[in-house]
Structure formats: structure tokens, C-alpha cells
PDB file of N, CA and C in Angstrom:
ATOM      1  N   TYR A   1     -49.802  48.436 -57.992  1.00  0.00           N
ATOM      2  CA  TYR A   1     -50.863  48.621 -58.946  1.00  0.00           C
ATOM      3  C   TYR A   1     -51.428  50.020 -58.820  1.00  0.00           C
ATOM      4  N   SER A   2     -52.066  50.471 -59.862  1.00  0.00           N
ATOM      5  CA  SER A   2     -52.737  51.769 -59.839  1.00  0.00           C
ATOM      6  C   SER A   2     -54.230  51.514 -59.734  1.00  0.00           C
ATOM      7  N   ALA A   3     -54.771  51.617 -58.517  1.00  0.00           N
ATOM      8  CA  ALA A   3     -56.186  51.318 -58.292  1.00  0.00           C
ATOM      9  C   ALA A   3     -57.077  52.175 -59.173  1.00  0.00           C
ATOM     10  N   GLU A   4     -56.696  53.409 -59.393  1.00  0.00           N
ATOM     11  CA  GLU A   4     -57.520  54.323 -60.175  1.00  0.00           C
ATOM     12  C   GLU A   4     -57.631  53.866 -61.627  1.00  0.00           C
ATOM     13  N   ALA A   5     -56.559  53.301 -62.177  1.00  0.00           N
ATOM     14  CA  ALA A   5     -56.544  52.935 -63.589  1.00  0.00           C
ATOM     15  C   ALA A   5     -57.032  51.518 -63.848  1.00  0.00           C
ATOM     16  N   ASP A   6     -56.896  50.616 -62.896  1.00  0.00           N
ATOM     17  CA  ASP A   6     -57.110  49.202 -63.154  1.00  0.00           C
ATOM     18  C   ASP A   6     -58.449  48.634 -62.706  1.00  0.00           C
ATOM     19  N   ILE A   7     -59.229  49.337 -61.925  1.00  0.00           N
ATOM     20  CA  ILE A   7     -60.447  48.772 -61.360  1.00  0.00           C
ATOM     21  C   ILE A   7     -61.596  48.829 -62.353  1.00  0.00           C
ATOM     22  N   SER A   8     -62.236  47.682 -62.542  1.00  0.00           N
ATOM     23  CA  SER A   8     -63.442  47.625 -63.357  1.00  0.00           C
ATOM     24  C   SER A   8     -64.657  47.963 -62.501  1.00  0.00           C
ATOM     25  N   ARG A   9     -64.779  47.272 -61.349  1.00  0.00           N
ATOM     26  CA  ARG A   9     -65.864  47.554 -60.403  1.00  0.00           C
ATOM     27  C   ARG A   9     -65.569  46.900 -59.060  1.00  0.00           C
ATOM     28  N   LEU A  10     -66.283  47.332 -58.052  1.00  0.00           N
ATOM     29  CA  LEU A  10     -66.202  46.741 -56.720  1.00  0.00           C
ATOM     30  C   LEU A  10     -67.418  45.849 -56.542  1.00  0.00           C
ATOM     31  N   LEU A  11     -67.196  44.630 -56.028  1.00  0.00           N
ATOM     32  CA  LEU A  11     -68.257  43.632 -55.977  1.00  0.00           C
ATOM     33  C   LEU A  11     -68.772  43.313 -54.582  1.00  0.00           C
ATOM     34  N   ASP A  12     -68.010  43.612 -53.546  1.00  0.00           N
ATOM     35  CA  ASP A  12     -68.441  43.271 -52.189  1.00  0.00           C
ATOM     36  C   ASP A  12     -67.592  44.045 -51.197  1.00  0.00           C
ATOM     37  N   VAL A  13     -68.019  44.032 -49.948  1.00  0.00           N
ATOM     38  CA  VAL A  13     -67.279  44.676 -48.865  1.00  0.00           C
ATOM     39  C   VAL A  13     -67.375  43.784 -47.641  1.00  0.00           C
ATOM     40  N   GLN A  14     -66.300  43.728 -46.877  1.00  0.00           N
ATOM     41  CA  GLN A  14     -66.255  42.965 -45.633  1.00  0.00           C
ATOM     42  C   GLN A  14     -65.574  43.800 -44.566  1.00  0.00           C
ATOM     43  N   GLY A  15     -66.039  43.652 -43.333  1.00  0.00           N
ATOM     44  CA  GLY A  15     -65.396  44.316 -42.210  1.00  0.00           C
ATOM     45  C   GLY A  15     -65.915  45.718 -41.977  1.00  0.00           C
ATOM     46  N   ASP A  16     -65.417  46.312 -40.909  1.00  0.00           N
ATOM     47  CA  ASP A  16     -65.767  47.671 -40.522  1.00  0.00           C
ATOM     48  C   ASP A  16     -64.497  48.500 -40.464  1.00  0.00           C
ATOM     49  N   GLN A  17     -64.656  49.818 -40.613  1.00  0.00           N
ATOM     50  CA  GLN A  17     -63.486  50.688 -40.527  1.00  0.00           C
ATOM     51  C   GLN A  17     -62.841  50.526 -39.171  1.00  0.00           C
ATOM     52  N   PRO A  18     -61.554  50.525 -39.071  1.00  0.00           N
ATOM     53  CA  PRO A  18     -60.558  50.759 -40.125  1.00  0.00           C
ATOM     54  C   PRO A  18     -60.104  49.479 -40.824  1.00  0.00           C
ATOM     55  N   HIS A  19     -60.809  48.381 -40.627  1.00  0.00           N
ATOM     56  CA  HIS A  19     -60.392  47.088 -41.196  1.00  0.00           C
ATOM     57  C   HIS A  19     -61.371  46.631 -42.271  1.00  0.00           C
ATOM     58  N   ARG A  20     -61.685  47.504 -43.202  1.00  0.00           N
ATOM     59  CA  ARG A  20     -62.661  47.208 -44.252  1.00  0.00           C
ATOM     60  C   ARG A  20     -61.941  46.900 -45.552  1.00  0.00           C
ATOM     61  N   CYS A  21     -62.405  45.839 -46.232  1.00  0.00           N
ATOM     62  CA  CYS A  21     -61.852  45.435 -47.526  1.00  0.00           C
ATOM     63  C   CYS A  21     -62.956  45.412 -48.571  1.00  0.00           C
ATOM     64  N   PHE A  22     -62.580  45.703 -49.802  1.00  0.00           N
ATOM     65  CA  PHE A  22     -63.513  45.636 -50.922  1.00  0.00           C
ATOM     66  C   PHE A  22     -63.017  44.587 -51.909  1.00  0.00           C
ATOM     67  N   LEU A  23     -63.956  43.836 -52.478  1.00  0.00           N
ATOM     68  CA  LEU A  23     -63.626  42.853 -53.504  1.00  0.00           C
ATOM     69  C   LEU A  23     -63.577  43.578 -54.845  1.00  0.00           C
ATOM     70  N   VAL A  24     -62.413  43.566 -55.468  1.00  0.00           N
ATOM     71  CA  VAL A  24     -62.162  44.333 -56.692  1.00  0.00           C
ATOM     72  C   VAL A  24     -62.149  43.411 -57.899  1.00  0.00           C
ATOM     73  N   GLN A  25     -62.882  43.807 -58.935  1.00  0.00           N
ATOM     74  CA  GLN A  25     -62.792  43.148 -60.234  1.00  0.00           C
ATOM     75  C   GLN A  25     -61.927  44.055 -61.103  1.00  0.00           C
ATOM     76  N   TRP A  26     -60.856  43.501 -61.654  1.00  0.00           N
ATOM     77  CA  TRP A  26     -59.877  44.295 -62.396  1.00  0.00           C
ATOM     78  C   TRP A  26     -60.216  44.364 -63.870  1.00  0.00           C
ATOM     79  N   LYS A  27     -59.936  45.504 -64.489  1.00  0.00           N
ATOM     80  CA  LYS A  27     -60.132  45.661 -65.934  1.00  0.00           C
ATOM     81  C   LYS A  27     -59.214  44.700 -66.667  1.00  0.00           C
ATOM     82  N   GLY A  28     -59.770  44.037 -67.666  1.00  0.00           N
ATOM     83  CA  GLY A  28     -58.974  43.111 -68.467  1.00  0.00           C
ATOM     84  C   GLY A  28     -58.760  41.765 -67.811  1.00  0.00           C
ATOM     85  N   ARG A  29     -59.168  41.604 -66.556  1.00  0.00           N
ATOM     86  CA  ARG A  29     -59.013  40.337 -65.835  1.00  0.00           C
ATOM     87  C   ARG A  29     -60.292  40.051 -65.028  1.00  0.00           C
ATOM     88  N   PRO A  30     -61.429  39.825 -65.690  1.00  0.00           N
ATOM     89  CA  PRO A  30     -62.705  39.724 -64.984  1.00  0.00           C
ATOM     90  C   PRO A  30     -62.805  38.560 -64.006  1.00  0.00           C
ATOM     91  N   LEU A  31     -62.021  37.531 -64.185  1.00  0.00           N
ATOM     92  CA  LEU A  31     -62.088  36.391 -63.272  1.00  0.00           C
ATOM     93  C   LEU A  31     -61.035  36.449 -62.179  1.00  0.00           C
ATOM     94  N   GLN A  32     -60.182  37.458 -62.200  1.00  0.00           N
ATOM     95  CA  GLN A  32     -59.156  37.624 -61.176  1.00  0.00           C
ATOM     96  C   GLN A  32     -59.594  38.743 -60.233  1.00  0.00           C
ATOM     97  N   MET A  33     -60.269  38.344 -59.155  1.00  0.00           N
ATOM     98  CA  MET A  33     -60.773  39.318 -58.188  1.00  0.00           C
ATOM     99  C   MET A  33     -59.913  39.270 -56.931  1.00  0.00           C
ATOM    100  N   THR A  34     -59.774  40.410 -56.263  1.00  0.00           N
ATOM    101  CA  THR A  34     -58.883  40.533 -55.120  1.00  0.00           C
ATOM    102  C   THR A  34     -59.529  41.372 -54.033  1.00  0.00           C
ATOM    103  N   TRP A  35     -59.291  40.989 -52.773  1.00  0.00           N
ATOM    104  CA  TRP A  35     -59.715  41.829 -51.648  1.00  0.00           C
ATOM    105  C   TRP A  35     -58.643  42.885 -51.422  1.00  0.00           C
ATOM    106  N   VAL A  36     -59.060  44.165 -51.377  1.00  0.00           N
ATOM    107  CA  VAL A  36     -58.125  45.282 -51.223  1.00  0.00           C
ATOM    108  C   VAL A  36     -58.601  46.155 -50.070  1.00  0.00           C
ATOM    109  N   TRP A  37     -57.658  46.574 -49.230  1.00  0.00           N
ATOM    110  CA  TRP A  37     -57.995  47.434 -48.092  1.00  0.00           C
ATOM    111  C   TRP A  37     -58.578  48.759 -48.564  1.00  0.00           C
ATOM    112  N   GLU A  38     -59.542  49.262 -47.800  1.00  0.00           N
ATOM    113  CA  GLU A  38     -60.230  50.507 -48.138  1.00  0.00           C
ATOM    114  C   GLU A  38     -59.263  51.673 -48.351  1.00  0.00           C
ATOM    115  N   GLU A  39     -58.275  51.812 -47.491  1.00  0.00           N
ATOM    116  CA  GLU A  39     -57.362  52.953 -47.614  1.00  0.00           C
ATOM    117  C   GLU A  39     -56.536  52.906 -48.897  1.00  0.00           C
ATOM    118  N   GLN A  40     -56.359  51.721 -49.481  1.00  0.00           N
ATOM    119  CA  GLN A  40     -55.644  51.618 -50.748  1.00  0.00           C
ATOM    120  C   GLN A  40     -56.524  52.033 -51.930  1.00  0.00           C
ATOM    121  N   LEU A  41     -57.825  52.049 -51.719  1.00  0.00           N
ATOM    122  CA  LEU A  41     -58.763  52.396 -52.792  1.00  0.00           C
ATOM    123  C   LEU A  41     -59.303  53.812 -52.683  1.00  0.00           C
ATOM    124  N   ASP A  42     -59.073  54.455 -51.555  1.00  0.00           N
ATOM    125  CA  ASP A  42     -59.725  55.727 -51.258  1.00  0.00           C
ATOM    126  C   ASP A  42     -59.163  56.865 -52.103  1.00  0.00           C
ATOM    127  N   ASN A  43     -59.829  57.146 -53.226  1.00  0.00           N
ATOM    128  CA  ASN A  43     -59.483  58.286 -54.070  1.00  0.00           C
ATOM    129  C   ASN A  43     -60.752  58.769 -54.767  1.00  0.00           C
ATOM    130  N   ALA A  44     -60.665  59.852 -55.476  1.00  0.00           N
ATOM    131  CA  ALA A  44     -61.849  60.469 -56.086  1.00  0.00           C
ATOM    132  C   ALA A  44     -62.562  59.548 -57.072  1.00  0.00           C
ATOM    133  N   THR A  45     -61.829  58.683 -57.741  1.00  0.00           N
ATOM    134  CA  THR A  45     -62.428  57.784 -58.724  1.00  0.00           C
ATOM    135  C   THR A  45     -63.180  56.637 -58.062  1.00  0.00           C
ATOM    136  N   THR A  46     -62.621  56.075 -57.011  1.00  0.00           N
ATOM    137  CA  THR A  46     -63.225  54.889 -56.402  1.00  0.00           C
ATOM    138  C   THR A  46     -64.231  55.196 -55.297  1.00  0.00           C
ATOM    139  N   ARG A  47     -64.224  56.398 -54.748  1.00  0.00           N
ATOM    140  CA  ARG A  47     -65.180  56.720 -53.665  1.00  0.00           C
ATOM    141  C   ARG A  47     -66.632  56.468 -54.052  1.00  0.00           C
ATOM    142  N   PRO A  48     -67.089  56.889 -55.248  1.00  0.00           N
ATOM    143  CA  PRO A  48     -68.481  56.589 -55.618  1.00  0.00           C
ATOM    144  C   PRO A  48     -68.754  55.082 -55.702  1.00  0.00           C
ATOM    145  N   MET A  49     -67.797  54.312 -56.208  1.00  0.00           N
ATOM    146  CA  MET A  49     -67.963  52.861 -56.270  1.00  0.00           C
ATOM    147  C   MET A  49     -68.044  52.277 -54.867  1.00  0.00           C
ATOM    148  N   MET A  50     -67.194  52.767 -53.971  1.00  0.00           N
ATOM    149  CA  MET A  50     -67.198  52.289 -52.591  1.00  0.00           C
ATOM    150  C   MET A  50     -68.537  52.601 -51.932  1.00  0.00           C
ATOM    151  N   GLN A  51     -69.061  53.790 -52.158  1.00  0.00           N
ATOM    152  CA  GLN A  51     -70.346  54.172 -51.567  1.00  0.00           C
ATOM    153  C   GLN A  51     -71.477  53.307 -52.112  1.00  0.00           C
ATOM    154  N   ASP A  52     -71.436  52.991 -53.407  1.00  0.00           N
ATOM    155  CA  ASP A  52     -72.445  52.108 -53.998  1.00  0.00           C
ATOM    156  C   ASP A  52     -72.449  50.740 -53.327  1.00  0.00           C
ATOM    157  N   VAL A  53     -71.257  50.183 -53.108  1.00  0.00           N
ATOM    158  CA  VAL A  53     -71.159  48.868 -52.472  1.00  0.00           C
ATOM    159  C   VAL A  53     -71.651  48.935 -51.029  1.00  0.00           C
ATOM    160  N   LEU A  54     -71.290  49.985 -50.309  1.00  0.00           N
ATOM    161  CA  LEU A  54     -71.742  50.135 -48.922  1.00  0.00           C
ATOM    162  C   LEU A  54     -73.265  50.282 -48.855  1.00  0.00           C
ATOM    163  N   THR A  55     -73.852  51.020 -49.781  1.00  0.00           N
ATOM    164  CA  THR A  55     -75.309  51.186 -49.835  1.00  0.00           C
ATOM    165  C   THR A  55     -75.986  49.855 -50.125  1.00  0.00           C
ATOM    166  N   TRP A  56     -75.450  49.110 -51.095  1.00  0.00           N
ATOM    167  CA  TRP A  56     -75.987  47.787 -51.438  1.00  0.00           C
ATOM    168  C   TRP A  56     -75.920  46.855 -50.236  1.00  0.00           C
ATOM    169  N   LYS A  57     -74.770  46.821 -49.572  1.00  0.00           N
ATOM    170  CA  LYS A  57     -74.591  45.924 -48.424  1.00  0.00           C
ATOM    171  C   LYS A  57     -75.552  46.303 -47.295  1.00  0.00           C
ATOM    172  N   ALA A  58     -75.712  47.598 -47.040  1.00  0.00           N
ATOM    173  CA  ALA A  58     -76.596  48.066 -45.966  1.00  0.00           C
ATOM    174  C   ALA A  58     -78.065  47.772 -46.266  1.00  0.00           C
ATOM    175  N   SER A  59     -78.413  47.613 -47.543  1.00  0.00           N
ATOM    176  CA  SER A  59     -79.806  47.346 -47.908  1.00  0.00           C
ATOM    177  C   SER A  59     -80.255  45.962 -47.453  1.00  0.00           C
ATOM    178  N   GLY A  60     -79.290  45.049 -47.253  1.00  0.00           N
ATOM    179  CA  GLY A  60     -79.627  43.703 -46.803  1.00  0.00           C
ATOM    180  C   GLY A  60     -80.254  42.826 -47.871  1.00  0.00           C
ATOM    181  N   THR A  61     -80.222  43.261 -49.108  1.00  0.00           N
ATOM    182  CA  THR A  61     -80.821  42.496 -50.196  1.00  0.00           C
ATOM    183  C   THR A  61     -80.067  41.188 -50.430  1.00  0.00           C
ATOM    184  N   SER A  62     -80.773  40.198 -50.957  1.00  0.00           N
ATOM    185  CA  SER A  62     -80.129  38.924 -51.272  1.00  0.00           C
ATOM    186  C   SER A  62     -79.615  38.895 -52.710  1.00  0.00           C
ATOM    187  N   GLU A  63     -79.956  39.907 -53.506  1.00  0.00           N
ATOM    188  CA  GLU A  63     -79.476  39.926 -54.884  1.00  0.00           C
ATOM    189  C   GLU A  63     -78.039  40.437 -54.952  1.00  0.00           C
ATOM    190  N   SER A  64     -77.352  40.052 -56.017  1.00  0.00           N
ATOM    191  CA  SER A  64     -75.965  40.474 -56.184  1.00  0.00           C
ATOM    192  C   SER A  64     -75.902  41.972 -56.442  1.00  0.00           C
ATOM    193  N   ILE A  65     -74.728  42.527 -56.249  1.00  0.00           N
ATOM    194  CA  ILE A  65     -74.569  43.963 -56.503  1.00  0.00           C
ATOM    195  C   ILE A  65     -74.797  44.282 -57.980  1.00  0.00           C
ATOM    196  N   ILE A  66     -74.478  43.352 -58.859  1.00  0.00           N
ATOM    197  CA  ILE A  66     -74.695  43.564 -60.290  1.00  0.00           C
ATOM    198  C   ILE A  66     -76.192  43.710 -60.560  1.00  0.00           C
ATOM    199  N   SER A  67     -76.988  42.813 -59.999  1.00  0.00           N
ATOM    200  CA  SER A  67     -78.445  42.890 -60.165  1.00  0.00           C
ATOM    201  C   SER A  67     -79.002  44.123 -59.478  1.00  0.00           C
ATOM    202  N   TYR A  68     -78.470  44.431 -58.307  1.00  0.00           N
ATOM    203  CA  TYR A  68     -78.944  45.569 -57.525  1.00  0.00           C
ATOM    204  C   TYR A  68     -78.824  46.870 -58.314  1.00  0.00           C
ATOM    205  N   HIS A  69     -77.727  47.008 -59.042  1.00  0.00           N
ATOM    206  CA  HIS A  69     -77.503  48.221 -59.837  1.00  0.00           C
ATOM    207  C   HIS A  69     -77.899  48.053 -61.296  1.00  0.00           C
ATOM    208  N   LYS A  70     -78.459  46.902 -61.625  1.00  0.00           N
ATOM    209  CA  LYS A  70     -78.939  46.632 -62.988  1.00  0.00           C
ATOM    210  C   LYS A  70     -77.839  46.774 -64.028  1.00  0.00           C
ATOM    211  N   GLU A  71     -76.622  46.399 -63.642  1.00  0.00           N
ATOM    212  CA  GLU A  71     -75.505  46.457 -64.579  1.00  0.00           C
ATOM    213  C   GLU A  71     -75.298  45.074 -65.177  1.00  0.00           C
ATOM    214  N   ARG A  72     -75.043  45.026 -66.462  1.00  0.00           N
ATOM    215  CA  ARG A  72     -74.779  43.759 -67.129  1.00  0.00           C
ATOM    216  C   ARG A  72     -73.635  43.959 -68.126  1.00  0.00           C
ATOM    217  N   ASP A  73     -72.820  42.924 -68.231  1.00  0.00           N
ATOM    218  CA  ASP A  73     -71.808  42.931 -69.279  1.00  0.00           C
ATOM    219  C   ASP A  73     -72.486  42.495 -70.567  1.00  0.00           C
ATOM    220  N   THR A  74     -72.118  43.098 -71.665  1.00  0.00           N
ATOM    221  CA  THR A  74     -72.669  42.672 -72.946  1.00  0.00           C
ATOM    222  C   THR A  74     -71.517  42.430 -73.899  1.00  0.00           C
ATOM    223  N   ALA A  75     -71.540  41.265 -74.501  1.00  0.00           N
ATOM    224  CA  ALA A  75     -70.463  40.922 -75.411  1.00  0.00           C
ATOM    225  C   ALA A  75     -71.009  40.380 -76.723  1.00  0.00           C
ATOM    226  N   SER A  76     -72.328  40.417 -76.868  1.00  0.00           N
ATOM    227  CA  SER A  76     -72.912  39.900 -78.096  1.00  0.00           C
ATOM    228  C   SER A  76     -74.114  40.746 -78.492  1.00  0.00           C
ATOM    229  N   ALA A  77     -74.582  40.529 -79.699  1.00  0.00           N
ATOM    230  CA  ALA A  77     -75.759  41.256 -80.175  1.00  0.00           C
ATOM    231  C   ALA A  77     -76.990  40.922 -79.342  1.00  0.00           C
ATOM    232  N   ALA A  78     -77.007  39.728 -78.744  1.00  0.00           N
ATOM    233  CA  ALA A  78     -78.141  39.314 -77.908  1.00  0.00           C
ATOM    234  C   ALA A  78     -78.123  40.022 -76.557  1.00  0.00           C
ATOM    235  N   GLY A  79     -77.012  40.692 -76.246  1.00  0.00           N
ATOM    236  CA  GLY A  79     -76.920  41.416 -74.984  1.00  0.00           C
ATOM    237  C   GLY A  79     -76.563  40.537 -73.808  1.00  0.00           C
ATOM    238  N   THR A  80     -75.993  39.381 -74.088  1.00  0.00           N
ATOM    239  CA  THR A  80     -75.595  38.479 -73.005  1.00  0.00           C
ATOM    240  C   THR A  80     -74.103  38.226 -73.073  1.00  0.00           C
ATOM    241  N   CYS A  81     -73.594  37.673 -72.015  1.00  0.00           N
ATOM    242  CA  CYS A  81     -72.160  37.428 -71.907  1.00  0.00           C
ATOM    243  C   CYS A  81     -71.941  36.172 -71.078  1.00  0.00           C
ATOM    244  N   PHE A  82     -70.844  35.484 -71.274  1.00  0.00           N
ATOM    245  CA  PHE A  82     -70.557  34.306 -70.473  1.00  0.00           C
ATOM    246  C   PHE A  82     -70.466  34.651 -68.997  1.00  0.00           C
ATOM    247  N   MET A  83     -70.168  35.918 -68.672  1.00  0.00           N
ATOM    248  CA  MET A  83     -70.077  36.333 -67.272  1.00  0.00           C
ATOM    249  C   MET A  83     -71.429  36.244 -66.577  1.00  0.00           C
ATOM    250  N   ASP A  84     -72.530  36.376 -67.316  1.00  0.00           N
ATOM    251  CA  ASP A  84     -73.851  36.235 -66.708  1.00  0.00           C
ATOM    252  C   ASP A  84     -74.016  34.836 -66.120  1.00  0.00           C
ATOM    253  N   ALA A  85     -73.593  33.827 -66.861  1.00  0.00           N
ATOM    254  CA  ALA A  85     -73.675  32.453 -66.365  1.00  0.00           C
ATOM    255  C   ALA A  85     -72.753  32.263 -65.169  1.00  0.00           C
ATOM    256  N   PHE A  86     -71.578  32.835 -65.226  1.00  0.00           N
ATOM    257  CA  PHE A  86     -70.629  32.731 -64.115  1.00  0.00           C
ATOM    258  C   PHE A  86     -71.206  33.373 -62.859  1.00  0.00           C
ATOM    259  N   ARG A  87     -71.768  34.573 -62.993  1.00  0.00           N
ATOM    260  CA  ARG A  87     -72.327  35.281 -61.837  1.00  0.00           C
ATOM    261  C   ARG A  87     -73.510  34.541 -61.236  1.00  0.00           C
ATOM    262  N   SER A  88     -74.337  33.929 -62.076  1.00  0.00           N
ATOM    263  CA  SER A  88     -75.501  33.229 -61.543  1.00  0.00           C
ATOM    264  C   SER A  88     -75.087  32.003 -60.743  1.00  0.00           C
ATOM    265  N   ALA A  89     -73.900  31.483 -61.015  1.00  0.00           N
ATOM    266  CA  ALA A  89     -73.403  30.329 -60.269  1.00  0.00           C
ATOM    267  C   ALA A  89     -72.838  30.719 -58.914  1.00  0.00           C
ATOM    268  N   LEU A  90     -72.563  31.997 -58.705  1.00  0.00           N
ATOM    269  CA  LEU A  90     -71.982  32.441 -57.433  1.00  0.00           C
ATOM    270  C   LEU A  90     -72.971  32.471 -56.323  1.00  0.00           C
TER     271      LEU A  90
END
């Protein structure tokens, strides 16, 4: 896979270097998420996303990374998406 082209966003991180993995949400496949090793993601495009996830995790907040960064998917004029319901169930 081409991590640079296919990643929609990073949702979580587990482990410490050199055994750190990030939970990847893929473009075009929002319900197919995968844990990917940090070294497979380490490039200029994904580094800012990785840093955002690490900052969120270090904050110790109980809110999801989506809420933490105030990002929402919008698929309707009302500004809501079925993914909002899915995320709230997690």
C-alpha cells in the first residue's frame, strides 16, 4: 500500500518506540481500520498526523481524537454523518 496516498487520518497510537503502532483510517474505506507500524508511516505527509495523535494521547483526555481536534465528517446539509453515530458507540 502507499501510506502517503491512502490514509484518511490516524485515530490512535499504542506502544513505545521502536514498537509503536498507529490506528489508520483509510480513504474510501472508513470502517476498515488497521494498526500500522510507525516506521511504515514515517514520511513528510504523515508526520504531522502522527504528532497530532501523540499530542492527543499525551494529554490524557477521555475524549476521542476526533472530538479533541474538533474534526467532523459531513455528508449532509445538516452537517452530520452516519460516522458520528458510529464514533459515539466506540
